[in-house]
Each structure stands twice: as structure tokens, then as C-alpha cells.
Amino acid sequence: MSEICFKETSKKFSIRVSYAVYESNIDMKDLHIVSNPLLNIVLDRPRIAGNIAAIVRTAVATQCALHVCGPLIFDINDKTKWRAGLDYFFGARIHFHNNLERCLDLLKKTPWLVETRGQKAPWQIDFALGDVIIFGPETGCIKDEVQNIFKERILTLPQFGPVRSLNLAQCASAVIFEAMRQYMVS
């Protein structure tokens, strides 16, 4: 598991994400890394850098850890694709994994899956602190083998309009904020 590494350089610090280095003028004393995340958000084979960046921003705001699984098929050095989250990587707890199976082995928790054909909505279950929630790729779904193992734990976001599915970052936000709502009222 490779977490973002922080390196102090005078009043600047660098964030190394795989092979990309981003710089910020944030002072290290202002840095806050979540040690007990609200949730572990797992992205299985994401394809759109902007979605990952937007989810990074949401994860920082809600104190969630983010796990990105599978190969990145876009240029990680293209800052324009990361713009939605670029200013927030300094506070992110983000891990990159070779594949979903490796990620789940390391997390050692039974995950919730979010898919279009789930039977329950996120507000119909009780989330626990540190739960693992898997979101499939924008162009497909979580592998059938994984869905079959956890078929009783597949969630969906109800849709009444004529759309195939919702955007990955929107889905992640809806589920994260439902878990946060539950946590705050308990």
C-alpha cells in the first residue's frame, strides 16, 4: 500500500502521487492527515482523472481515506485533469493499489458495493466508522466475481429519470454524506 508521502521543503511541501509531484504553499503545521477515516472509499479501475480529483476533495472534507485500484490509464502528470482536487491533495489520505483484490486483502473488512442494480439505498443500512465502500469504473461495473461474493451488500442510488447511471464523483458524494449524516446523529 503506498500512501501519499510528504516532504518538507522550507515553507513549501511536495506531494508525491505515483510519479507526479504537486507543490503547494501550505505550511506543514496546517497539514491534517486523517488517522481514523470516516470511510474507506475504494475506486475500482477508475478511468476519469477529474472524478478521482473531485473525490479526493470530498474525502478531505469528510475525513475519508481514498483507495484507487488498478492501472491509471491517463497521464498522471497532466495537472489540468487533476484540477478539481489539486489544492486538496495536501490533506488527503490516498492509497494506490495494483488491483481491488489486493486492496481488500489489506483493508480486511467486508465491503459495501455501490452499483446500478443494488437492492438497498445507502440510507437503508447502518454504516460503521471505517466501513469500506467500493465504486466501480465509470465505463462498467465492479467485477461479477466480487459482486457475487458480496451480493447481500450491494447498494444503489435510486434514479427516477431516464439516465443510465450517475457520475462516479456524484455517487461517491451521496454515499459519503449519508454515512456522515448517520455518524453525526449517533
Protein backbone atom coordinates (compact mmCIF):
# COMPACT_ATOMS: atom_id res chain seq x y z
CA MET A 1 0.00 0.00 0.00
CA SER A 2 1.53 3.32 -0.96
CA GLU A 3 0.28 6.35 0.86
CA ILE A 4 1.00 9.88 -0.28
CA CYS A 5 4.40 10.91 1.01
CA PHE A 6 5.03 14.37 2.39
CA LYS A 7 8.40 16.07 2.23
CA GLU A 8 9.02 19.43 3.85
CA THR A 9 10.99 21.93 1.81
CA SER A 10 11.27 25.21 3.76
CA LYS A 11 7.72 26.60 3.84
CA LYS A 12 6.56 24.50 0.91
CA PHE A 13 5.94 20.82 0.75
CA SER A 14 5.68 18.38 -2.09
CA ILE A 15 3.18 15.61 -2.54
CA ARG A 16 4.35 12.64 -4.49
CA VAL A 17 1.49 10.72 -6.08
CA SER A 18 2.97 7.87 -8.05
CA TYR A 19 5.26 9.79 -10.44
CA ALA A 20 3.61 13.21 -10.19
CA VAL A 21 4.78 15.94 -7.85
CA TYR A 22 2.48 18.78 -6.89
CA GLU A 23 3.63 21.83 -4.94
CA SER A 24 1.68 23.99 -2.53
CA ASN A 25 2.45 26.97 -0.31
CA ILE A 26 0.55 25.44 2.62
CA ASP A 27 2.65 25.39 5.78
CA MET A 28 3.29 21.90 7.20
CA LYS A 29 1.78 22.92 10.56
CA ASP A 30 -1.58 23.34 8.77
CA LEU A 31 -1.45 19.79 7.44
CA HIS A 32 -4.02 17.39 8.85
CA ILE A 33 -3.96 13.73 7.86
CA VAL A 34 -6.88 11.62 8.98
CA SER A 35 -5.79 8.64 11.07
CA ASN A 36 -9.22 7.07 11.68
CA PRO A 37 -11.19 7.67 8.49
CA LEU A 38 -14.96 8.01 8.47
CA LEU A 39 -14.95 5.62 5.50
CA ASN A 40 -12.53 3.85 3.20
CA ILE A 41 -13.64 4.84 -0.29
CA VAL A 42 -12.41 2.37 -2.90
CA LEU A 43 -12.41 3.21 -6.61
CA ASP A 44 -12.16 0.09 -8.74
CA ARG A 45 -10.38 0.80 -12.05
CA PRO A 46 -11.40 4.48 -12.37
CA ARG A 47 -10.99 5.97 -15.85
CA ILE A 48 -11.52 9.71 -15.44
CA ALA A 49 -8.91 11.74 -13.55
CA GLY A 50 -11.39 14.53 -12.85
CA ASN A 51 -13.62 12.11 -10.93
CA ILE A 52 -10.70 10.94 -8.81
CA ALA A 53 -9.73 14.56 -8.12
CA ALA A 54 -13.29 15.51 -7.14
CA ILE A 55 -13.48 12.50 -4.82
CA VAL A 56 -10.12 13.48 -3.27
CA ARG A 57 -11.63 16.86 -2.43
CA THR A 58 -14.73 15.24 -0.88
CA ALA A 59 -12.58 12.74 1.01
CA VAL A 60 -10.52 15.51 2.57
CA ALA A 61 -13.66 17.46 3.54
CA THR A 62 -15.25 14.41 5.16
CA GLN A 63 -12.12 12.77 6.59
CA CYS A 64 -12.32 9.63 4.45
CA ALA A 65 -9.42 7.56 3.12
CA LEU A 66 -9.34 7.02 -0.64
CA HIS A 67 -8.08 3.84 -2.30
CA VAL A 68 -7.53 3.83 -6.07
CA CYS A 69 -7.29 0.32 -7.53
CA GLY A 70 -5.96 -0.77 -10.89
CA PRO A 71 -3.81 0.91 -13.50
CA LEU A 72 -4.26 4.60 -14.19
CA ILE A 73 -4.93 4.95 -17.91
CA PHE A 74 -4.42 8.71 -18.12
CA ASP A 75 -1.38 10.93 -17.84
CA ILE A 76 -0.88 11.45 -14.12
CA ASN A 77 1.36 14.47 -14.81
CA ASP A 78 -1.40 16.42 -16.60
CA LYS A 79 -2.43 18.90 -13.88
CA THR A 80 -5.48 20.05 -15.85
CA LYS A 81 -7.09 16.66 -15.31
CA TRP A 82 -6.46 16.82 -11.55
CA ARG A 83 -7.65 20.43 -11.13
CA ALA A 84 -10.77 19.61 -9.06
CA GLY A 85 -8.64 18.17 -6.27
CA LEU A 86 -5.22 19.68 -6.84
CA ASP A 87 -5.43 22.12 -3.93
CA TYR A 88 -6.63 19.36 -1.60
CA PHE A 89 -4.06 16.62 -2.08
CA PHE A 90 -2.10 18.05 0.87
CA GLY A 91 -4.78 16.83 3.27
CA ALA A 92 -5.67 13.58 1.55
CA ARG A 93 -5.09 10.06 2.72
CA ILE A 94 -4.84 8.31 -0.62
CA HIS A 95 -3.53 4.85 -1.45
CA PHE A 96 -2.84 3.30 -4.84
CA HIS A 97 -3.26 -0.47 -5.24
CA ASN A 98 -2.47 -2.76 -8.16
CA ASN A 99 -5.95 -4.26 -8.03
CA LEU A 100 -9.14 -4.44 -5.98
CA GLU A 101 -8.35 -7.84 -4.52
CA ARG A 102 -5.06 -6.58 -3.06
CA CYS A 103 -6.80 -3.55 -1.58
CA LEU A 104 -9.48 -5.66 0.11
CA ASP A 105 -6.82 -8.04 1.47
CA LEU A 106 -5.07 -5.09 3.10
CA LEU A 107 -8.21 -3.46 4.49
CA LYS A 108 -9.53 -6.73 5.99
CA LYS A 109 -13.15 -5.52 6.16
CA THR A 110 -16.31 -6.71 4.46
CA PRO A 111 -17.12 -4.01 1.88
CA TRP A 112 -20.29 -2.38 0.69
CA LEU A 113 -20.57 -2.15 -3.11
CA VAL A 114 -22.36 0.63 -4.98
CA GLU A 115 -23.83 -0.48 -8.30
CA THR A 116 -26.80 0.33 -10.51
CA ARG A 117 -28.54 -2.96 -9.75
CA GLY A 118 -28.38 -2.97 -5.95
CA GLN A 119 -31.43 -3.69 -3.80
CA LYS A 120 -30.90 -1.19 -0.97
CA ALA A 121 -30.23 2.54 -0.84
CA PRO A 122 -27.42 3.85 1.40
CA TRP A 123 -29.96 5.27 3.87
CA GLN A 124 -31.47 1.81 4.36
CA ILE A 125 -28.35 0.40 6.01
CA ASP A 126 -26.26 1.39 9.00
CA PHE A 127 -22.72 2.47 8.18
CA ALA A 128 -19.96 1.96 10.75
CA LEU A 129 -16.87 4.09 11.24
CA GLY A 130 -14.16 2.91 8.83
CA ASP A 131 -16.50 0.94 6.55
CA VAL A 132 -15.20 0.07 3.09
CA ILE A 133 -17.31 1.23 0.14
CA ILE A 134 -16.42 0.17 -3.41
CA PHE A 135 -17.41 2.14 -6.51
CA GLY A 136 -16.94 0.55 -9.93
CA PRO A 137 -15.41 2.16 -13.00
CA GLU A 138 -17.23 4.83 -14.98
CA THR A 139 -17.38 2.60 -18.06
CA GLY A 140 -18.54 -0.61 -16.44
CA CYS A 141 -19.23 -2.28 -13.15
CA ILE A 142 -17.47 -3.99 -10.29
CA LYS A 143 -16.35 -7.44 -11.43
CA ASP A 144 -19.08 -10.12 -11.26
CA GLU A 145 -16.88 -12.33 -9.04
CA VAL A 146 -16.72 -9.57 -6.41
CA GLN A 147 -20.43 -8.80 -6.72
CA ASN A 148 -21.28 -12.50 -6.25
CA ILE A 149 -19.22 -12.72 -3.06
CA PHE A 150 -20.90 -9.66 -1.53
CA LYS A 151 -24.33 -9.88 -3.21
CA GLU A 152 -26.16 -9.02 0.04
CA ARG A 153 -24.10 -5.84 0.39
CA ILE A 154 -24.78 -4.14 -2.95
CA LEU A 155 -26.21 -0.63 -2.62
CA THR A 156 -27.74 1.59 -5.26
CA LEU A 157 -28.79 5.21 -5.59
CA PRO A 158 -32.41 5.29 -6.81
CA GLN A 159 -32.94 7.17 -10.06
CA PHE A 160 -36.33 8.24 -11.37
CA GLY A 161 -35.22 9.96 -14.57
CA PRO A 162 -34.16 8.35 -17.85
CA VAL A 163 -30.40 8.14 -17.24
CA ARG A 164 -28.15 5.09 -17.44
CA SER A 165 -26.23 5.99 -14.29
CA LEU A 166 -24.93 8.88 -12.24
CA ASN A 167 -21.42 10.32 -12.36
CA LEU A 168 -18.89 8.47 -10.17
CA ALA A 169 -17.98 11.54 -8.10
CA GLN A 170 -21.68 12.34 -7.54
CA CYS A 171 -22.37 8.79 -6.36
CA ALA A 172 -19.41 8.84 -4.01
CA SER A 173 -20.52 12.18 -2.54
CA ALA A 174 -24.09 10.99 -1.98
CA VAL A 175 -22.96 7.84 -0.15
CA ILE A 176 -20.23 9.60 1.85
CA PHE A 177 -22.59 12.30 3.07
CA GLU A 178 -25.23 9.72 4.03
CA ALA A 179 -22.61 7.90 6.13
CA MET A 180 -21.58 11.25 7.64
CA ARG A 181 -25.22 12.08 8.45
CA GLN A 182 -25.61 8.73 10.22
CA TYR A 183 -22.36 9.25 12.14
CA MET A 184 -23.35 12.75 13.27
CA VAL A 185 -26.76 11.70 14.62
CA SER A 186 -25.42 8.68 16.50
